[in-house]
C-alpha atoms as a PDB file:
ATOM      1  CA  UNK A   1     -59.951   9.075  59.693  1.00  0.00           C
ATOM      2  CA  UNK A   2     -61.734   5.863  60.530  1.00  0.00           C
ATOM      3  CA  UNK A   3     -60.545   4.040  57.412  1.00  0.00           C
ATOM      4  CA  UNK A   4     -56.924   4.750  58.324  1.00  0.00           C
ATOM      5  CA  UNK A   5     -57.368   3.342  61.822  1.00  0.00           C
ATOM      6  CA  UNK A   6     -56.903   6.714  63.534  1.00  0.00           C
ATOM      7  CA  UNK A   7     -60.403   6.362  64.973  1.00  0.00           C
ATOM      8  CA  UNK A   8     -61.923   3.009  65.845  1.00  0.00           C
ATOM      9  CA  UNK A   9     -64.509   1.765  63.382  1.00  0.00           C
ATOM     10  CA  UNK A  10     -65.815  -1.768  62.854  1.00  0.00           C
ATOM     11  CA  UNK A  11     -66.246  -1.532  59.080  1.00  0.00           C
ATOM     12  CA  UNK A  12     -63.499   0.651  57.568  1.00  0.00           C
ATOM     13  CA  UNK A  13     -64.219  -0.421  53.979  1.00  0.00           C
ATOM     14  CA  UNK A  14     -67.751   0.896  54.401  1.00  0.00           C
ATOM     15  CA  UNK A  15     -66.275   4.262  55.395  1.00  0.00           C
ATOM     16  CA  UNK A  16     -64.165   4.297  52.232  1.00  0.00           C
ATOM     17  CA  UNK A  17     -67.206   3.495  50.097  1.00  0.00           C
ATOM     18  CA  UNK A  18     -69.268   6.197  51.793  1.00  0.00           C
ATOM     19  CA  UNK A  19     -66.493   8.775  51.372  1.00  0.00           C
ATOM     20  CA  UNK A  20     -66.197   8.022  47.653  1.00  0.00           C
ATOM     21  CA  UNK A  21     -69.995   8.023  47.226  1.00  0.00           C
ATOM     22  CA  UNK A  22     -70.342  11.404  48.953  1.00  0.00           C
ATOM     23  CA  UNK A  23     -67.441  12.864  46.955  1.00  0.00           C
ATOM     24  CA  UNK A  24     -68.950  11.673  43.673  1.00  0.00           C
ATOM     25  CA  UNK A  25     -72.351  13.041  44.615  1.00  0.00           C
ATOM     26  CA  UNK A  26     -70.919  16.330  45.923  1.00  0.00           C
ATOM     27  CA  UNK A  27     -69.114  17.276  42.722  1.00  0.00           C
ATOM     28  CA  UNK A  28     -65.794  19.007  42.186  1.00  0.00           C
ATOM     29  CA  UNK A  29     -65.884  21.152  45.326  1.00  0.00           C
ATOM     30  CA  UNK A  30     -66.383  18.242  47.711  1.00  0.00           C
ATOM     31  CA  UNK A  31     -63.930  16.053  45.770  1.00  0.00           C
ATOM     32  CA  UNK A  32     -61.297  18.776  46.115  1.00  0.00           C
ATOM     33  CA  UNK A  33     -61.977  18.938  49.855  1.00  0.00           C
ATOM     34  CA  UNK A  34     -61.539  15.154  50.126  1.00  0.00           C
ATOM     35  CA  UNK A  35     -58.178  15.351  48.332  1.00  0.00           C
ATOM     36  CA  UNK A  36     -57.008  18.220  50.542  1.00  0.00           C
ATOM     37  CA  UNK A  37     -58.021  16.372  53.704  1.00  0.00           C
ATOM     38  CA  UNK A  38     -56.280  13.179  52.553  1.00  0.00           C
ATOM     39  CA  UNK A  39     -53.096  15.132  51.765  1.00  0.00           C
ATOM     40  CA  UNK A  40     -53.274  16.760  55.185  1.00  0.00           C
ATOM     41  CA  UNK A  41     -53.752  13.381  56.888  1.00  0.00           C
ATOM     42  CA  UNK A  42     -50.806  11.857  54.993  1.00  0.00           C
ATOM     43  CA  UNK A  43     -48.413  14.741  55.661  1.00  0.00           C
ATOM     44  CA  UNK A  44     -46.055  13.760  58.502  1.00  0.00           C
ATOM     45  CA  UNK A  45     -48.327  10.935  59.619  1.00  0.00           C
ATOM     46  CA  UNK A  46     -46.495   9.281  62.545  1.00  0.00           C
ATOM     47  CA  UNK A  47     -48.191   5.887  62.104  1.00  0.00           C
ATOM     48  CA  UNK A  48     -46.876   3.634  59.295  1.00  0.00           C
ATOM     49  CA  UNK A  49     -50.080   1.559  59.369  1.00  0.00           C
ATOM     50  CA  UNK A  50     -52.275   4.651  59.141  1.00  0.00           C
ATOM     51  CA  UNK A  51     -50.125   6.060  56.359  1.00  0.00           C
ATOM     52  CA  UNK A  52     -50.335   2.811  54.356  1.00  0.00           C
ATOM     53  CA  UNK A  53     -54.137   2.826  54.617  1.00  0.00           C
ATOM     54  CA  UNK A  54     -54.198   6.524  53.740  1.00  0.00           C
ATOM     55  CA  UNK A  55     -52.322   5.823  50.500  1.00  0.00           C
ATOM     56  CA  UNK A  56     -54.819   3.055  49.723  1.00  0.00           C
ATOM     57  CA  UNK A  57     -57.679   5.508  50.210  1.00  0.00           C
ATOM     58  CA  UNK A  58     -55.873   8.067  48.057  1.00  0.00           C
ATOM     59  CA  UNK A  59     -55.481   5.510  45.259  1.00  0.00           C
ATOM     60  CA  UNK A  60     -59.124   4.471  45.576  1.00  0.00           C
ATOM     61  CA  UNK A  61     -60.216   8.083  45.215  1.00  0.00           C
ATOM     62  CA  UNK A  62     -57.875   8.553  42.227  1.00  0.00           C
ATOM     63  CA  UNK A  63     -59.466   5.526  40.540  1.00  0.00           C
ATOM     64  CA  UNK A  64     -63.000   6.782  41.152  1.00  0.00           C
ATOM     65  CA  UNK A  65     -62.651  10.500  40.530  1.00  0.00           C
ATOM     66  CA  UNK A  66     -59.498  12.333  39.504  1.00  0.00           C
ATOM     67  CA  UNK A  67     -58.741  15.697  41.114  1.00  0.00           C
ATOM     68  CA  UNK A  68     -60.439  18.746  39.663  1.00  0.00           C
ATOM     69  CA  UNK A  69     -58.291  20.383  36.944  1.00  0.00           C
ATOM     70  CA  UNK A  70     -57.950  23.487  39.150  1.00  0.00           C
ATOM     71  CA  UNK A  71     -56.055  21.499  41.806  1.00  0.00           C
ATOM     72  CA  UNK A  72     -54.623  18.536  39.913  1.00  0.00           C
ATOM     73  CA  UNK A  73     -51.129  20.061  39.769  1.00  0.00           C
ATOM     74  CA  UNK A  74     -51.173  20.644  43.538  1.00  0.00           C
ATOM     75  CA  UNK A  75     -52.117  16.990  43.994  1.00  0.00           C
ATOM     76  CA  UNK A  76     -49.412  15.917  41.529  1.00  0.00           C
ATOM     77  CA  UNK A  77     -46.800  17.982  43.383  1.00  0.00           C
ATOM     78  CA  UNK A  78     -47.900  16.444  46.681  1.00  0.00           C
ATOM     79  CA  UNK A  79     -47.538  12.976  45.173  1.00  0.00           C
ATOM     80  CA  UNK A  80     -44.091  13.778  43.787  1.00  0.00           C
ATOM     81  CA  UNK A  81     -42.983  14.845  47.266  1.00  0.00           C
ATOM     82  CA  UNK A  82     -44.379  11.728  48.907  1.00  0.00           C
ATOM     83  CA  UNK A  83     -42.526   8.598  49.936  1.00  0.00           C
ATOM     84  CA  UNK A  84     -44.134   6.378  47.299  1.00  0.00           C
ATOM     85  CA  UNK A  85     -44.197   6.160  43.521  1.00  0.00           C
ATOM     86  CA  UNK A  86     -45.937   9.282  42.268  1.00  0.00           C
ATOM     87  CA  UNK A  87     -46.121   7.781  38.776  1.00  0.00           C
ATOM     88  CA  UNK A  88     -48.437   5.011  39.969  1.00  0.00           C
ATOM     89  CA  UNK A  89     -50.933   7.470  41.472  1.00  0.00           C
ATOM     90  CA  UNK A  90     -50.683   9.875  38.546  1.00  0.00           C
ATOM     91  CA  UNK A  91     -51.471   7.032  36.150  1.00  0.00           C
ATOM     92  CA  UNK A  92     -54.537   6.143  38.200  1.00  0.00           C
ATOM     93  CA  UNK A  93     -55.742   9.738  37.989  1.00  0.00           C
ATOM     94  CA  UNK A  94     -54.932  10.042  34.302  1.00  0.00           C
ATOM     95  CA  UNK A  95     -56.849   6.842  33.483  1.00  0.00           C
ATOM     96  CA  UNK A  96     -59.829   8.092  35.522  1.00  0.00           C
ATOM     97  CA  UNK A  97     -59.683  11.472  33.770  1.00  0.00           C
ATOM     98  CA  UNK A  98     -59.794   9.745  30.362  1.00  0.00           C
ATOM     99  CA  UNK A  99     -62.799   7.585  31.190  1.00  0.00           C
ATOM    100  CA  UNK A 100     -64.499  10.133  33.465  1.00  0.00           C
ATOM    101  CA  UNK A 101     -65.479   9.820  37.121  1.00  0.00           C
ATOM    102  CA  UNK A 102     -67.399   6.783  38.228  1.00  0.00           C
ATOM    103  CA  UNK A 103     -71.138   7.157  38.522  1.00  0.00           C
ATOM    104  CA  UNK A 104     -71.162   5.343  41.871  1.00  0.00           C
ATOM    105  CA  UNK A 105     -68.861   4.191  44.647  1.00  0.00           C
ATOM    106  CA  UNK A 106     -67.199   0.796  44.209  1.00  0.00           C
ATOM    107  CA  UNK A 107     -69.154  -2.236  45.339  1.00  0.00           C
ATOM    108  CA  UNK A 108     -67.891  -4.596  48.038  1.00  0.00           C
ATOM    109  CA  UNK A 109     -66.911  -7.047  45.308  1.00  0.00           C
ATOM    110  CA  UNK A 110     -64.869  -4.388  43.439  1.00  0.00           C
ATOM    111  CA  UNK A 111     -62.865  -3.057  46.387  1.00  0.00           C
ATOM    112  CA  UNK A 112     -60.376  -5.941  46.719  1.00  0.00           C
ATOM    113  CA  UNK A 113     -59.270  -5.601  43.082  1.00  0.00           C
ATOM    114  CA  UNK A 114     -59.060  -1.821  43.325  1.00  0.00           C
ATOM    115  CA  UNK A 115     -56.955  -1.982  46.483  1.00  0.00           C
ATOM    116  CA  UNK A 116     -54.803  -4.971  45.449  1.00  0.00           C
ATOM    117  CA  UNK A 117     -52.826  -2.938  42.898  1.00  0.00           C
ATOM    118  CA  UNK A 118     -51.965  -0.497  45.677  1.00  0.00           C
ATOM    119  CA  UNK A 119     -50.784  -3.305  47.934  1.00  0.00           C
ATOM    120  CA  UNK A 120     -48.686  -4.750  45.093  1.00  0.00           C
ATOM    121  CA  UNK A 121     -47.077  -1.356  44.582  1.00  0.00           C
ATOM    122  CA  UNK A 122     -46.378  -1.022  48.310  1.00  0.00           C
ATOM    123  CA  UNK A 123     -44.633  -4.399  48.236  1.00  0.00           C
ATOM    124  CA  UNK A 124     -42.516  -3.171  45.347  1.00  0.00           C
ATOM    125  CA  UNK A 125     -44.003  -5.450  42.719  1.00  0.00           C
ATOM    126  CA  UNK A 126     -44.146  -4.345  39.099  1.00  0.00           C
ATOM    127  CA  UNK A 127     -47.379  -2.619  38.074  1.00  0.00           C
ATOM    128  CA  UNK A 128     -48.373  -2.582  34.432  1.00  0.00           C
ATOM    129  CA  UNK A 129     -48.307   0.866  32.873  1.00  0.00           C
ATOM    130  CA  UNK A 130     -51.823   2.125  32.173  1.00  0.00           C
ATOM    131  CA  UNK A 131     -50.966   4.901  29.715  1.00  0.00           C
ATOM    132  CA  UNK A 132     -48.324   7.509  29.040  1.00  0.00           C
ATOM    133  CA  UNK A 133     -48.596  10.410  31.429  1.00  0.00           C
ATOM    134  CA  UNK A 134     -49.371  13.775  29.897  1.00  0.00           C
ATOM    135  CA  UNK A 135     -47.121  16.713  30.768  1.00  0.00           C
ATOM    136  CA  UNK A 136     -48.323  18.723  33.777  1.00  0.00           C
ATOM    137  CA  UNK A 137     -50.597  21.630  32.952  1.00  0.00           C
ATOM    138  CA  UNK A 138     -49.523  25.071  34.136  1.00  0.00           C
ATOM    139  CA  UNK A 139     -51.643  26.091  37.090  1.00  0.00           C
ATOM    140  CA  UNK A 140     -51.458  29.523  38.555  1.00  0.00           C
ATOM    141  CA  UNK A 141     -52.467  29.993  42.205  1.00  0.00           C
ATOM    142  CA  UNK A 142     -54.339  33.105  41.100  1.00  0.00           C
ATOM    143  CA  UNK A 143     -56.742  30.865  39.150  1.00  0.00           C
ATOM    144  CA  UNK A 144     -57.778  29.352  42.455  1.00  0.00           C
ATOM    145  CA  UNK A 145     -58.145  32.676  44.194  1.00  0.00           C
ATOM    146  CA  UNK A 146     -55.839  31.411  46.917  1.00  0.00           C
ATOM    147  CA  UNK A 147     -52.104  31.371  47.330  1.00  0.00           C
ATOM    148  CA  UNK A 148     -50.665  28.175  48.738  1.00  0.00           C
ATOM    149  CA  UNK A 149     -47.247  27.916  50.298  1.00  0.00           C
ATOM    150  CA  UNK A 150     -45.460  24.697  51.076  1.00  0.00           C
ATOM    151  CA  UNK A 151     -47.264  21.383  51.187  1.00  0.00           C
ATOM    152  CA  UNK A 152     -51.037  21.369  51.173  1.00  0.00           C
END
């Protein structure tokens, strides 16, 4: 991914904006694909710098459009198995679910604020709680028509 530095790109923030814009425009199916690809890219990523940027992109996507209800428990389980605070990311998704997905990708002026909370969390600074997390919803793999095993 160009944003994560795995492929050279002069304007990585533009890539992040375009990815979010396409996901928002593409609806639940494309948003699910974006989440699956991000989880794949973050799984066993050998580059700490790439992984850090991948978590920023994940948080940006969570702020703009939460995972589809059909896959949100898979995303939550991935986050719980990750190296960082799952609660932080789950709160981002829960807040986005309550207010609904954004109608557009973040502007250049909005990106620094959206990404700064992620950087604060990576540095171990306290993040204000957004809301109480709801209990996870039961999700059966048969609802998806696919059986997953292991990490996504």
